[in-house]
Amino acid sequence: MHSQKRSRLAKLSVLILAATPSMCQTTTGSGGSELTFCGGARPIYWSSKDTTETIGQVKEHNAVGKVACGWGRT
């Protein structure tokens, strides 16, 4: 595997592991409604006009959603 790709996968794994516990916590907003990552986040789509950096961030967000929330499963 290419070293840059391996590095990106390692960073993504750390991101997922670091974010997972907080995704399970329930927070109360100023309106009193409860919200979790999976309850409020949705997949993001990018445009051909987006930068490479933006597309990478969108892919990371969506990867977390796939692992934590089961996005894309049928």
C-alpha atoms as a PDB file:
ATOM      1  CA  MET A   1       0.000   0.000   0.000  1.00  0.00           C
ATOM      2  CA  HIS A   2       1.277   3.465  -0.842  1.00  0.00           C
ATOM      3  CA  SER A   3       2.691   5.261   2.236  1.00  0.00           C
ATOM      4  CA  GLN A   4       0.508   8.390   1.777  1.00  0.00           C
ATOM      5  CA  LYS A   5      -2.619   6.264   1.523  1.00  0.00           C
ATOM      6  CA  ARG A   6      -1.542   4.275   4.587  1.00  0.00           C
ATOM      7  CA  SER A   7      -0.963   7.524   6.474  1.00  0.00           C
ATOM      8  CA  ARG A   8      -4.401   8.851   5.528  1.00  0.00           C
ATOM      9  CA  LEU A   9      -6.015   5.583   6.606  1.00  0.00           C
ATOM     10  CA  ALA A  10      -4.185   5.755   9.939  1.00  0.00           C
ATOM     11  CA  LYS A  11      -5.368   9.341  10.484  1.00  0.00           C
ATOM     12  CA  LEU A  12      -8.922   8.353   9.576  1.00  0.00           C
ATOM     13  CA  SER A  13      -8.819   5.438  12.008  1.00  0.00           C
ATOM     14  CA  VAL A  14      -7.674   7.749  14.786  1.00  0.00           C
ATOM     15  CA  LEU A  15     -10.434  10.205  13.885  1.00  0.00           C
ATOM     16  CA  ILE A  16     -13.077   7.486  14.025  1.00  0.00           C
ATOM     17  CA  LEU A  17     -11.801   6.065  17.305  1.00  0.00           C
ATOM     18  CA  ALA A  18     -11.506   9.507  18.889  1.00  0.00           C
ATOM     19  CA  ALA A  19     -14.951  10.601  17.761  1.00  0.00           C
ATOM     20  CA  THR A  20     -16.890   7.416  18.469  1.00  0.00           C
ATOM     21  CA  PRO A  21     -17.379   7.853  22.252  1.00  0.00           C
ATOM     22  CA  SER A  22     -18.701  11.387  21.826  1.00  0.00           C
ATOM     23  CA  MET A  23     -21.111  10.228  19.130  1.00  0.00           C
ATOM     24  CA  CYS A  24     -22.855   8.072  21.688  1.00  0.00           C
ATOM     25  CA  GLN A  25     -23.256  10.857  24.229  1.00  0.00           C
ATOM     26  CA  THR A  26     -26.483  12.776  24.244  1.00  0.00           C
ATOM     27  CA  THR A  27     -26.270  16.536  24.502  1.00  0.00           C
ATOM     28  CA  THR A  28     -29.031  18.971  25.183  1.00  0.00           C
ATOM     29  CA  GLY A  29     -29.120  22.110  23.088  1.00  0.00           C
ATOM     30  CA  SER A  30     -30.520  25.459  24.196  1.00  0.00           C
ATOM     31  CA  GLY A  31     -33.960  24.348  23.030  1.00  0.00           C
ATOM     32  CA  GLY A  32     -33.837  21.273  25.243  1.00  0.00           C
ATOM     33  CA  SER A  33     -33.740  18.800  22.365  1.00  0.00           C
ATOM     34  CA  GLU A  34     -31.407  15.823  22.556  1.00  0.00           C
ATOM     35  CA  LEU A  35     -28.953  15.291  19.718  1.00  0.00           C
ATOM     36  CA  THR A  36     -26.307  12.691  18.914  1.00  0.00           C
ATOM     37  CA  PHE A  37     -23.977  12.592  15.911  1.00  0.00           C
ATOM     38  CA  CYS A  38     -26.034   9.907  14.208  1.00  0.00           C
ATOM     39  CA  GLY A  39     -29.259  11.722  15.035  1.00  0.00           C
ATOM     40  CA  GLY A  40     -28.165  15.002  13.515  1.00  0.00           C
ATOM     41  CA  ALA A  41     -25.430  14.348  10.952  1.00  0.00           C
ATOM     42  CA  ARG A  42     -26.128  13.329   7.388  1.00  0.00           C
ATOM     43  CA  PRO A  43     -23.877  12.264   4.504  1.00  0.00           C
ATOM     44  CA  ILE A  44     -22.317  15.175   2.632  1.00  0.00           C
ATOM     45  CA  TYR A  45     -21.908  15.317  -1.129  1.00  0.00           C
ATOM     46  CA  TRP A  46     -19.240  17.303  -2.928  1.00  0.00           C
ATOM     47  CA  SER A  47     -19.158  19.173  -6.186  1.00  0.00           C
ATOM     48  CA  SER A  48     -16.563  19.106  -8.928  1.00  0.00           C
ATOM     49  CA  LYS A  49     -15.996  22.760  -7.979  1.00  0.00           C
ATOM     50  CA  ASP A  50     -14.844  21.796  -4.447  1.00  0.00           C
ATOM     51  CA  THR A  51     -11.152  21.734  -3.586  1.00  0.00           C
ATOM     52  CA  THR A  52      -9.250  18.514  -3.065  1.00  0.00           C
ATOM     53  CA  GLU A  53      -8.967  19.376   0.641  1.00  0.00           C
ATOM     54  CA  THR A  54     -12.730  19.896   0.961  1.00  0.00           C
ATOM     55  CA  ILE A  55     -13.463  16.619  -0.809  1.00  0.00           C
ATOM     56  CA  GLY A  56     -11.049  14.828   1.545  1.00  0.00           C
ATOM     57  CA  GLN A  57     -12.818  16.296   4.578  1.00  0.00           C
ATOM     58  CA  VAL A  58     -16.205  15.271   3.196  1.00  0.00           C
ATOM     59  CA  LYS A  59     -14.940  11.721   2.647  1.00  0.00           C
ATOM     60  CA  GLU A  60     -13.663  11.581   6.238  1.00  0.00           C
ATOM     61  CA  HIS A  61     -17.024  12.808   7.575  1.00  0.00           C
ATOM     62  CA  ASN A  62     -18.872  10.219   5.504  1.00  0.00           C
ATOM     63  CA  ALA A  63     -16.478   7.447   6.585  1.00  0.00           C
ATOM     64  CA  VAL A  64     -17.216   8.225  10.239  1.00  0.00           C
ATOM     65  CA  GLY A  65     -20.941   8.114   9.463  1.00  0.00           C
ATOM     66  CA  LYS A  66     -20.562   4.733   7.762  1.00  0.00           C
ATOM     67  CA  VAL A  67     -18.790   3.242  10.763  1.00  0.00           C
ATOM     68  CA  ALA A  68     -20.742   4.920  13.562  1.00  0.00           C
ATOM     69  CA  CYS A  69     -24.203   5.210  12.030  1.00  0.00           C
ATOM     70  CA  GLY A  70     -24.325   2.509   9.361  1.00  0.00           C
ATOM     71  CA  TRP A  71     -24.712   4.898   6.433  1.00  0.00           C
ATOM     72  CA  GLY A  72     -24.866   3.078   3.117  1.00  0.00           C
ATOM     73  CA  ARG A  73     -26.048  -0.228   4.548  1.00  0.00           C
ATOM     74  CA  THR A  74     -29.148  -1.690   2.981  1.00  0.00           C
END
